[in-house]
């Protein structure tokens, strides 16, 4: 009997990989933007970069910081501070979380990288009604992390600039 339950437990992660809806947890990369703790699904992350040289793109929307070169590929850099209506970075450069959408790479410029955390889906809460409407638009929900609130970003919505 014990061998059957151990075998079932070993198969559970495989079933979750085939069907993420069955997974009890989702894994997030945490990051900080203007002091706010945010999370991006690890499955959306293609790369994590330190400070990069960014070339400004003329006539681009204000949220587009420019472009950078990632191993020969042009990557559009999105300033999360601007995208989320936050004040500009005072000093220093931003780190990049590279994500992919429709075959194109985008760099989300953030202040700090955190850690990779598995978060129980059952502990996710809907967006609080007091959350700024702009943030509500790009958030999939929130998690309480001790005395801080982790806002789970919807990468598709973050990249939907001007939509």
C-alpha atoms as a PDB file:
ATOM      1  CA  UNK A   1       0.000   0.000   0.000  1.00  0.00           C
ATOM      2  CA  UNK A   2       2.782   2.422   0.907  1.00  0.00           C
ATOM      3  CA  UNK A   3       4.572   1.734  -2.409  1.00  0.00           C
ATOM      4  CA  UNK A   4       1.408   2.663  -4.335  1.00  0.00           C
ATOM      5  CA  UNK A   5       1.081   6.017  -2.566  1.00  0.00           C
ATOM      6  CA  UNK A   6       4.798   6.750  -3.102  1.00  0.00           C
ATOM      7  CA  UNK A   7       4.454   5.949  -6.811  1.00  0.00           C
ATOM      8  CA  UNK A   8       1.392   8.193  -7.068  1.00  0.00           C
ATOM      9  CA  UNK A   9       3.285  11.016  -5.342  1.00  0.00           C
ATOM     10  CA  UNK A  10       6.165  10.612  -7.783  1.00  0.00           C
ATOM     11  CA  UNK A  11       3.781  10.858 -10.759  1.00  0.00           C
ATOM     12  CA  UNK A  12       2.028  13.996  -9.453  1.00  0.00           C
ATOM     13  CA  UNK A  13       4.746  16.465 -10.587  1.00  0.00           C
ATOM     14  CA  UNK A  14       4.738  14.885 -14.066  1.00  0.00           C
ATOM     15  CA  UNK A  15       0.971  15.286 -14.329  1.00  0.00           C
ATOM     16  CA  UNK A  16       1.284  18.905 -13.203  1.00  0.00           C
ATOM     17  CA  UNK A  17       3.868  19.582 -15.931  1.00  0.00           C
ATOM     18  CA  UNK A  18       1.552  18.145 -18.584  1.00  0.00           C
ATOM     19  CA  UNK A  19      -1.432  20.083 -17.273  1.00  0.00           C
ATOM     20  CA  UNK A  20      -0.448  23.214 -15.292  1.00  0.00           C
ATOM     21  CA  UNK A  21      -4.067  23.679 -14.192  1.00  0.00           C
ATOM     22  CA  UNK A  22      -3.621  20.565 -12.030  1.00  0.00           C
ATOM     23  CA  UNK A  23      -0.535  21.966 -10.312  1.00  0.00           C
ATOM     24  CA  UNK A  24      -1.008  23.044  -6.723  1.00  0.00           C
ATOM     25  CA  UNK A  25       1.840  25.542  -7.066  1.00  0.00           C
ATOM     26  CA  UNK A  26       3.117  28.011  -9.602  1.00  0.00           C
ATOM     27  CA  UNK A  27       6.738  29.182  -9.581  1.00  0.00           C
ATOM     28  CA  UNK A  28       7.523  32.910  -9.744  1.00  0.00           C
ATOM     29  CA  UNK A  29      10.641  35.035 -10.080  1.00  0.00           C
ATOM     30  CA  UNK A  30      10.313  37.870  -7.597  1.00  0.00           C
ATOM     31  CA  UNK A  31      11.510  41.354  -8.445  1.00  0.00           C
ATOM     32  CA  UNK A  32      11.249  44.849  -7.041  1.00  0.00           C
ATOM     33  CA  UNK A  33      10.035  47.968  -8.824  1.00  0.00           C
ATOM     34  CA  UNK A  34      10.149  51.218  -6.817  1.00  0.00           C
ATOM     35  CA  UNK A  35      10.069  49.241  -3.578  1.00  0.00           C
ATOM     36  CA  UNK A  36       7.051  47.139  -4.604  1.00  0.00           C
ATOM     37  CA  UNK A  37       7.530  43.368  -4.595  1.00  0.00           C
ATOM     38  CA  UNK A  38       6.275  41.772  -7.818  1.00  0.00           C
ATOM     39  CA  UNK A  39       6.359  38.310  -9.332  1.00  0.00           C
ATOM     40  CA  UNK A  40       6.645  37.030 -12.901  1.00  0.00           C
ATOM     41  CA  UNK A  41       5.883  33.388 -13.769  1.00  0.00           C
ATOM     42  CA  UNK A  42       9.185  31.566 -14.216  1.00  0.00           C
ATOM     43  CA  UNK A  43       7.809  29.820 -17.313  1.00  0.00           C
ATOM     44  CA  UNK A  44       7.581  33.254 -19.000  1.00  0.00           C
ATOM     45  CA  UNK A  45      11.208  34.162 -18.208  1.00  0.00           C
ATOM     46  CA  UNK A  46      13.815  33.513 -20.919  1.00  0.00           C
ATOM     47  CA  UNK A  47      16.798  35.286 -19.354  1.00  0.00           C
ATOM     48  CA  UNK A  48      17.874  37.528 -16.485  1.00  0.00           C
ATOM     49  CA  UNK A  49      20.437  40.245 -17.234  1.00  0.00           C
ATOM     50  CA  UNK A  50      22.394  42.826 -15.303  1.00  0.00           C
ATOM     51  CA  UNK A  51      22.545  46.452 -16.387  1.00  0.00           C
ATOM     52  CA  UNK A  52      22.651  46.697 -20.191  1.00  0.00           C
ATOM     53  CA  UNK A  53      23.325  49.456 -22.715  1.00  0.00           C
ATOM     54  CA  UNK A  54      19.950  50.563 -24.054  1.00  0.00           C
ATOM     55  CA  UNK A  55      19.501  52.435 -27.331  1.00  0.00           C
ATOM     56  CA  UNK A  56      16.586  54.886 -27.379  1.00  0.00           C
ATOM     57  CA  UNK A  57      13.935  54.291 -30.087  1.00  0.00           C
ATOM     58  CA  UNK A  58      12.636  57.521 -31.656  1.00  0.00           C
ATOM     59  CA  UNK A  59       8.847  58.059 -31.452  1.00  0.00           C
ATOM     60  CA  UNK A  60       8.334  54.999 -29.232  1.00  0.00           C
ATOM     61  CA  UNK A  61       5.716  55.110 -26.463  1.00  0.00           C
ATOM     62  CA  UNK A  62       7.092  56.450 -23.154  1.00  0.00           C
ATOM     63  CA  UNK A  63       7.027  52.961 -21.580  1.00  0.00           C
ATOM     64  CA  UNK A  64       9.523  51.737 -24.189  1.00  0.00           C
ATOM     65  CA  UNK A  65      12.967  52.578 -22.821  1.00  0.00           C
ATOM     66  CA  UNK A  66      14.625  51.477 -26.064  1.00  0.00           C
ATOM     67  CA  UNK A  67      16.269  48.329 -27.323  1.00  0.00           C
ATOM     68  CA  UNK A  68      19.195  46.182 -26.279  1.00  0.00           C
ATOM     69  CA  UNK A  69      21.256  43.480 -27.918  1.00  0.00           C
ATOM     70  CA  UNK A  70      20.994  39.980 -26.474  1.00  0.00           C
ATOM     71  CA  UNK A  71      23.404  37.618 -28.227  1.00  0.00           C
ATOM     72  CA  UNK A  72      22.688  39.211 -31.591  1.00  0.00           C
ATOM     73  CA  UNK A  73      18.916  39.577 -31.107  1.00  0.00           C
ATOM     74  CA  UNK A  74      17.253  42.944 -30.743  1.00  0.00           C
ATOM     75  CA  UNK A  75      15.171  43.069 -27.562  1.00  0.00           C
ATOM     76  CA  UNK A  76      12.627  45.803 -26.814  1.00  0.00           C
ATOM     77  CA  UNK A  77      13.174  47.178 -23.297  1.00  0.00           C
ATOM     78  CA  UNK A  78      10.044  48.102 -21.323  1.00  0.00           C
ATOM     79  CA  UNK A  79      10.536  50.384 -18.311  1.00  0.00           C
ATOM     80  CA  UNK A  80       8.276  48.842 -15.661  1.00  0.00           C
ATOM     81  CA  UNK A  81       8.396  52.022 -13.600  1.00  0.00           C
ATOM     82  CA  UNK A  82       6.866  53.994 -16.475  1.00  0.00           C
ATOM     83  CA  UNK A  83       4.482  51.185 -17.411  1.00  0.00           C
ATOM     84  CA  UNK A  84       3.168  51.065 -13.841  1.00  0.00           C
ATOM     85  CA  UNK A  85       2.920  54.837 -13.385  1.00  0.00           C
ATOM     86  CA  UNK A  86       5.808  55.066 -10.914  1.00  0.00           C
ATOM     87  CA  UNK A  87       8.447  57.798 -10.580  1.00  0.00           C
ATOM     88  CA  UNK A  88      11.587  57.416 -12.724  1.00  0.00           C
ATOM     89  CA  UNK A  89      14.695  55.700 -11.384  1.00  0.00           C
ATOM     90  CA  UNK A  90      16.919  58.290  -9.721  1.00  0.00           C
ATOM     91  CA  UNK A  91      20.303  56.646 -10.074  1.00  0.00           C
ATOM     92  CA  UNK A  92      21.910  53.549 -11.482  1.00  0.00           C
ATOM     93  CA  UNK A  93      20.788  51.233 -14.204  1.00  0.00           C
ATOM     94  CA  UNK A  94      18.035  48.691 -14.270  1.00  0.00           C
ATOM     95  CA  UNK A  95      18.257  44.919 -14.369  1.00  0.00           C
ATOM     96  CA  UNK A  96      16.376  43.044 -17.089  1.00  0.00           C
ATOM     97  CA  UNK A  97      13.962  40.137 -17.020  1.00  0.00           C
ATOM     98  CA  UNK A  98      13.712  38.904 -20.612  1.00  0.00           C
ATOM     99  CA  UNK A  99      10.345  37.424 -21.602  1.00  0.00           C
ATOM    100  CA  UNK A 100       8.989  36.192 -24.918  1.00  0.00           C
ATOM    101  CA  UNK A 101       5.665  37.009 -26.557  1.00  0.00           C
ATOM    102  CA  UNK A 102       4.640  35.944 -30.061  1.00  0.00           C
ATOM    103  CA  UNK A 103       8.239  35.041 -30.953  1.00  0.00           C
ATOM    104  CA  UNK A 104       9.592  38.470 -29.922  1.00  0.00           C
ATOM    105  CA  UNK A 105      11.806  39.117 -26.917  1.00  0.00           C
ATOM    106  CA  UNK A 106      11.081  41.901 -24.442  1.00  0.00           C
ATOM    107  CA  UNK A 107      13.151  43.081 -21.503  1.00  0.00           C
ATOM    108  CA  UNK A 108      11.274  44.221 -18.410  1.00  0.00           C
ATOM    109  CA  UNK A 109      13.484  46.768 -16.641  1.00  0.00           C
ATOM    110  CA  UNK A 110      13.344  46.310 -12.856  1.00  0.00           C
ATOM    111  CA  UNK A 111      15.209  47.723  -9.857  1.00  0.00           C
ATOM    112  CA  UNK A 112      16.174  44.428  -8.191  1.00  0.00           C
ATOM    113  CA  UNK A 113      15.864  40.696  -8.752  1.00  0.00           C
ATOM    114  CA  UNK A 114      14.649  38.556  -5.908  1.00  0.00           C
ATOM    115  CA  UNK A 115      14.371  34.825  -5.651  1.00  0.00           C
ATOM    116  CA  UNK A 116      12.497  32.024  -7.356  1.00  0.00           C
ATOM    117  CA  UNK A 117       9.544  30.959  -5.217  1.00  0.00           C
ATOM    118  CA  UNK A 118       6.914  28.248  -5.580  1.00  0.00           C
ATOM    119  CA  UNK A 119       3.594  29.761  -4.489  1.00  0.00           C
ATOM    120  CA  UNK A 120       0.480  27.767  -3.651  1.00  0.00           C
ATOM    121  CA  UNK A 121      -2.393  28.638  -5.975  1.00  0.00           C
ATOM    122  CA  UNK A 122      -4.804  28.266  -3.040  1.00  0.00           C
ATOM    123  CA  UNK A 123      -3.057  31.144  -1.231  1.00  0.00           C
ATOM    124  CA  UNK A 124      -3.393  33.565  -4.158  1.00  0.00           C
ATOM    125  CA  UNK A 125      -5.901  36.322  -3.501  1.00  0.00           C
ATOM    126  CA  UNK A 126      -7.719  38.439  -6.068  1.00  0.00           C
ATOM    127  CA  UNK A 127      -6.580  42.012  -6.581  1.00  0.00           C
ATOM    128  CA  UNK A 128      -7.679  44.196  -3.674  1.00  0.00           C
ATOM    129  CA  UNK A 129     -10.266  46.824  -4.621  1.00  0.00           C
ATOM    130  CA  UNK A 130      -7.886  49.501  -3.332  1.00  0.00           C
ATOM    131  CA  UNK A 131      -5.180  48.532  -5.854  1.00  0.00           C
ATOM    132  CA  UNK A 132      -4.534  51.297  -8.389  1.00  0.00           C
ATOM    133  CA  UNK A 133      -6.540  50.625 -11.598  1.00  0.00           C
ATOM    134  CA  UNK A 134      -3.364  50.624 -13.713  1.00  0.00           C
ATOM    135  CA  UNK A 135      -1.852  47.935 -11.471  1.00  0.00           C
ATOM    136  CA  UNK A 136      -5.126  45.975 -11.411  1.00  0.00           C
ATOM    137  CA  UNK A 137      -5.006  45.858 -15.211  1.00  0.00           C
ATOM    138  CA  UNK A 138      -1.604  44.099 -15.224  1.00  0.00           C
ATOM    139  CA  UNK A 139      -1.996  41.937 -12.090  1.00  0.00           C
ATOM    140  CA  UNK A 140      -3.124  38.299 -11.876  1.00  0.00           C
ATOM    141  CA  UNK A 141      -3.639  38.531  -8.128  1.00  0.00           C
ATOM    142  CA  UNK A 142      -1.610  38.927  -4.961  1.00  0.00           C
ATOM    143  CA  UNK A 143       0.187  36.831  -2.346  1.00  0.00           C
ATOM    144  CA  UNK A 144       0.922  37.882   1.204  1.00  0.00           C
ATOM    145  CA  UNK A 145       4.666  37.516   1.893  1.00  0.00           C
ATOM    146  CA  UNK A 146       5.008  38.174   5.603  1.00  0.00           C
ATOM    147  CA  UNK A 147       4.304  41.886   6.002  1.00  0.00           C
ATOM    148  CA  UNK A 148       4.618  42.597   2.249  1.00  0.00           C
ATOM    149  CA  UNK A 149       2.234  42.127  -0.646  1.00  0.00           C
ATOM    150  CA  UNK A 150       3.568  40.317  -3.725  1.00  0.00           C
ATOM    151  CA  UNK A 151       1.788  41.475  -6.874  1.00  0.00           C
ATOM    152  CA  UNK A 152       1.720  38.751  -9.529  1.00  0.00           C
ATOM    153  CA  UNK A 153       2.226  40.398 -12.903  1.00  0.00           C
ATOM    154  CA  UNK A 154       0.422  39.214 -16.033  1.00  0.00           C
ATOM    155  CA  UNK A 155       3.209  39.442 -18.622  1.00  0.00           C
ATOM    156  CA  UNK A 156       0.757  39.587 -21.551  1.00  0.00           C
ATOM    157  CA  UNK A 157      -0.990  42.601 -20.025  1.00  0.00           C
ATOM    158  CA  UNK A 158       2.287  44.313 -19.094  1.00  0.00           C
ATOM    159  CA  UNK A 159       3.351  44.063 -22.753  1.00  0.00           C
ATOM    160  CA  UNK A 160      -0.024  45.268 -24.069  1.00  0.00           C
ATOM    161  CA  UNK A 161       1.107  48.877 -24.378  1.00  0.00           C
ATOM    162  CA  UNK A 162      -1.478  51.151 -25.941  1.00  0.00           C
ATOM    163  CA  UNK A 163      -3.975  48.302 -26.383  1.00  0.00           C
END
